[in-house]
Amino acid sequence: MHDAIPHSVDSGDMRVARCASDVLATRNGICHSKSHALAALLRAAGIPTALCYQRLGDEDGDPVPCTG
């Protein structure tokens, strides 16, 4: 899936996929959207799957911006 569905920035398509079916329909998505699609496909194949998000902070606890 990583190679078959490009990141929105790489494809130039700035639509925001909000769920797994949107990623599959538009054939692009940002990181977390693609993760949701992969989780849905794994679950459909009977593979138990969970997602976990973390917030990355610097030494002062301030959020670190995403650089791609």
C-alpha atoms as a PDB file:
ATOM      1  CA  MET A   1       0.000   0.000   0.000  1.00  0.00           C
ATOM      2  CA  HIS A   2       2.853   2.393   0.748  1.00  0.00           C
ATOM      3  CA  ASP A   3       4.004   2.362  -2.866  1.00  0.00           C
ATOM      4  CA  ALA A   4       0.553   2.010  -4.434  1.00  0.00           C
ATOM      5  CA  ILE A   5      -1.033   5.000  -2.678  1.00  0.00           C
ATOM      6  CA  PRO A   6       1.073   8.179  -2.653  1.00  0.00           C
ATOM      7  CA  HIS A   7       1.141  10.795   0.076  1.00  0.00           C
ATOM      8  CA  SER A   8      -1.099  13.762  -0.773  1.00  0.00           C
ATOM      9  CA  VAL A   9       1.884  16.132  -0.873  1.00  0.00           C
ATOM     10  CA  ASP A  10       3.784  13.867  -3.273  1.00  0.00           C
ATOM     11  CA  SER A  11       0.797  13.458  -5.578  1.00  0.00           C
ATOM     12  CA  GLY A  12      -0.152  17.136  -5.488  1.00  0.00           C
ATOM     13  CA  ASP A  13      -3.704  16.166  -4.525  1.00  0.00           C
ATOM     14  CA  MET A  14      -4.486  18.084  -1.354  1.00  0.00           C
ATOM     15  CA  ARG A  15      -7.834  16.422  -0.613  1.00  0.00           C
ATOM     16  CA  VAL A  16      -7.906  15.136   2.959  1.00  0.00           C
ATOM     17  CA  ALA A  17      -9.051  11.546   3.222  1.00  0.00           C
ATOM     18  CA  ARG A  18     -11.023  11.230   6.445  1.00  0.00           C
ATOM     19  CA  CYS A  19     -11.550   7.480   6.508  1.00  0.00           C
ATOM     20  CA  ALA A  20     -10.118   4.304   5.019  1.00  0.00           C
ATOM     21  CA  SER A  21     -12.688   4.182   2.218  1.00  0.00           C
ATOM     22  CA  ASP A  22     -11.730   7.743   1.171  1.00  0.00           C
ATOM     23  CA  VAL A  23      -8.077   6.684   0.839  1.00  0.00           C
ATOM     24  CA  LEU A  24      -9.040   3.755  -1.349  1.00  0.00           C
ATOM     25  CA  ALA A  25     -11.433   5.885  -3.426  1.00  0.00           C
ATOM     26  CA  THR A  26      -9.032   8.796  -4.023  1.00  0.00           C
ATOM     27  CA  ARG A  27      -5.897   6.600  -4.181  1.00  0.00           C
ATOM     28  CA  ASN A  28      -3.956   9.082  -2.009  1.00  0.00           C
ATOM     29  CA  GLY A  29      -3.779  10.250   1.581  1.00  0.00           C
ATOM     30  CA  ILE A  30      -1.667  11.713   4.343  1.00  0.00           C
ATOM     31  CA  CYS A  31       0.189   9.487   6.788  1.00  0.00           C
ATOM     32  CA  HIS A  32      -2.560   8.834   9.302  1.00  0.00           C
ATOM     33  CA  SER A  33      -5.193   8.314   6.585  1.00  0.00           C
ATOM     34  CA  LYS A  34      -3.032   5.675   4.920  1.00  0.00           C
ATOM     35  CA  SER A  35      -2.522   4.011   8.313  1.00  0.00           C
ATOM     36  CA  HIS A  36      -6.286   3.813   8.800  1.00  0.00           C
ATOM     37  CA  ALA A  37      -6.686   2.227   5.364  1.00  0.00           C
ATOM     38  CA  LEU A  38      -4.003  -0.351   6.094  1.00  0.00           C
ATOM     39  CA  ALA A  39      -5.594  -1.177   9.446  1.00  0.00           C
ATOM     40  CA  ALA A  40      -8.986  -1.633   7.775  1.00  0.00           C
ATOM     41  CA  LEU A  41      -7.519  -3.950   5.144  1.00  0.00           C
ATOM     42  CA  LEU A  42      -5.693  -6.005   7.777  1.00  0.00           C
ATOM     43  CA  ARG A  43      -8.874  -6.295   9.864  1.00  0.00           C
ATOM     44  CA  ALA A  44     -10.818  -7.365   6.765  1.00  0.00           C
ATOM     45  CA  ALA A  45      -8.244 -10.142   6.306  1.00  0.00           C
ATOM     46  CA  GLY A  46      -8.877 -11.289   9.886  1.00  0.00           C
ATOM     47  CA  ILE A  47      -5.646  -9.876  11.310  1.00  0.00           C
ATOM     48  CA  PRO A  48      -6.228  -8.103  14.651  1.00  0.00           C
ATOM     49  CA  THR A  49      -4.998  -4.544  14.253  1.00  0.00           C
ATOM     50  CA  ALA A  50      -4.770  -1.416  16.401  1.00  0.00           C
ATOM     51  CA  LEU A  51      -3.435   2.086  15.891  1.00  0.00           C
ATOM     52  CA  CYS A  52      -1.589   4.235  18.384  1.00  0.00           C
ATOM     53  CA  TYR A  53      -0.747   7.904  18.011  1.00  0.00           C
ATOM     54  CA  GLN A  54       1.889   9.801  19.934  1.00  0.00           C
ATOM     55  CA  ARG A  55       2.638  13.487  20.145  1.00  0.00           C
ATOM     56  CA  LEU A  56       6.301  14.259  19.639  1.00  0.00           C
ATOM     57  CA  GLY A  57       7.686  17.066  21.807  1.00  0.00           C
ATOM     58  CA  ASP A  58      11.020  18.753  22.217  1.00  0.00           C
ATOM     59  CA  GLU A  59      12.976  18.892  25.480  1.00  0.00           C
ATOM     60  CA  ASP A  60      10.579  21.583  26.789  1.00  0.00           C
ATOM     61  CA  GLY A  61       7.502  19.556  25.859  1.00  0.00           C
ATOM     62  CA  ASP A  62       6.580  21.833  22.974  1.00  0.00           C
ATOM     63  CA  PRO A  63       5.165  20.065  19.888  1.00  0.00           C
ATOM     64  CA  VAL A  64       7.658  19.277  17.143  1.00  0.00           C
ATOM     65  CA  PRO A  65       6.242  20.301  13.747  1.00  0.00           C
ATOM     66  CA  CYS A  66       5.815  17.643  11.087  1.00  0.00           C
ATOM     67  CA  THR A  67       8.358  18.137   8.314  1.00  0.00           C
ATOM     68  CA  GLY A  68       7.090  15.426   6.011  1.00  0.00           C
END
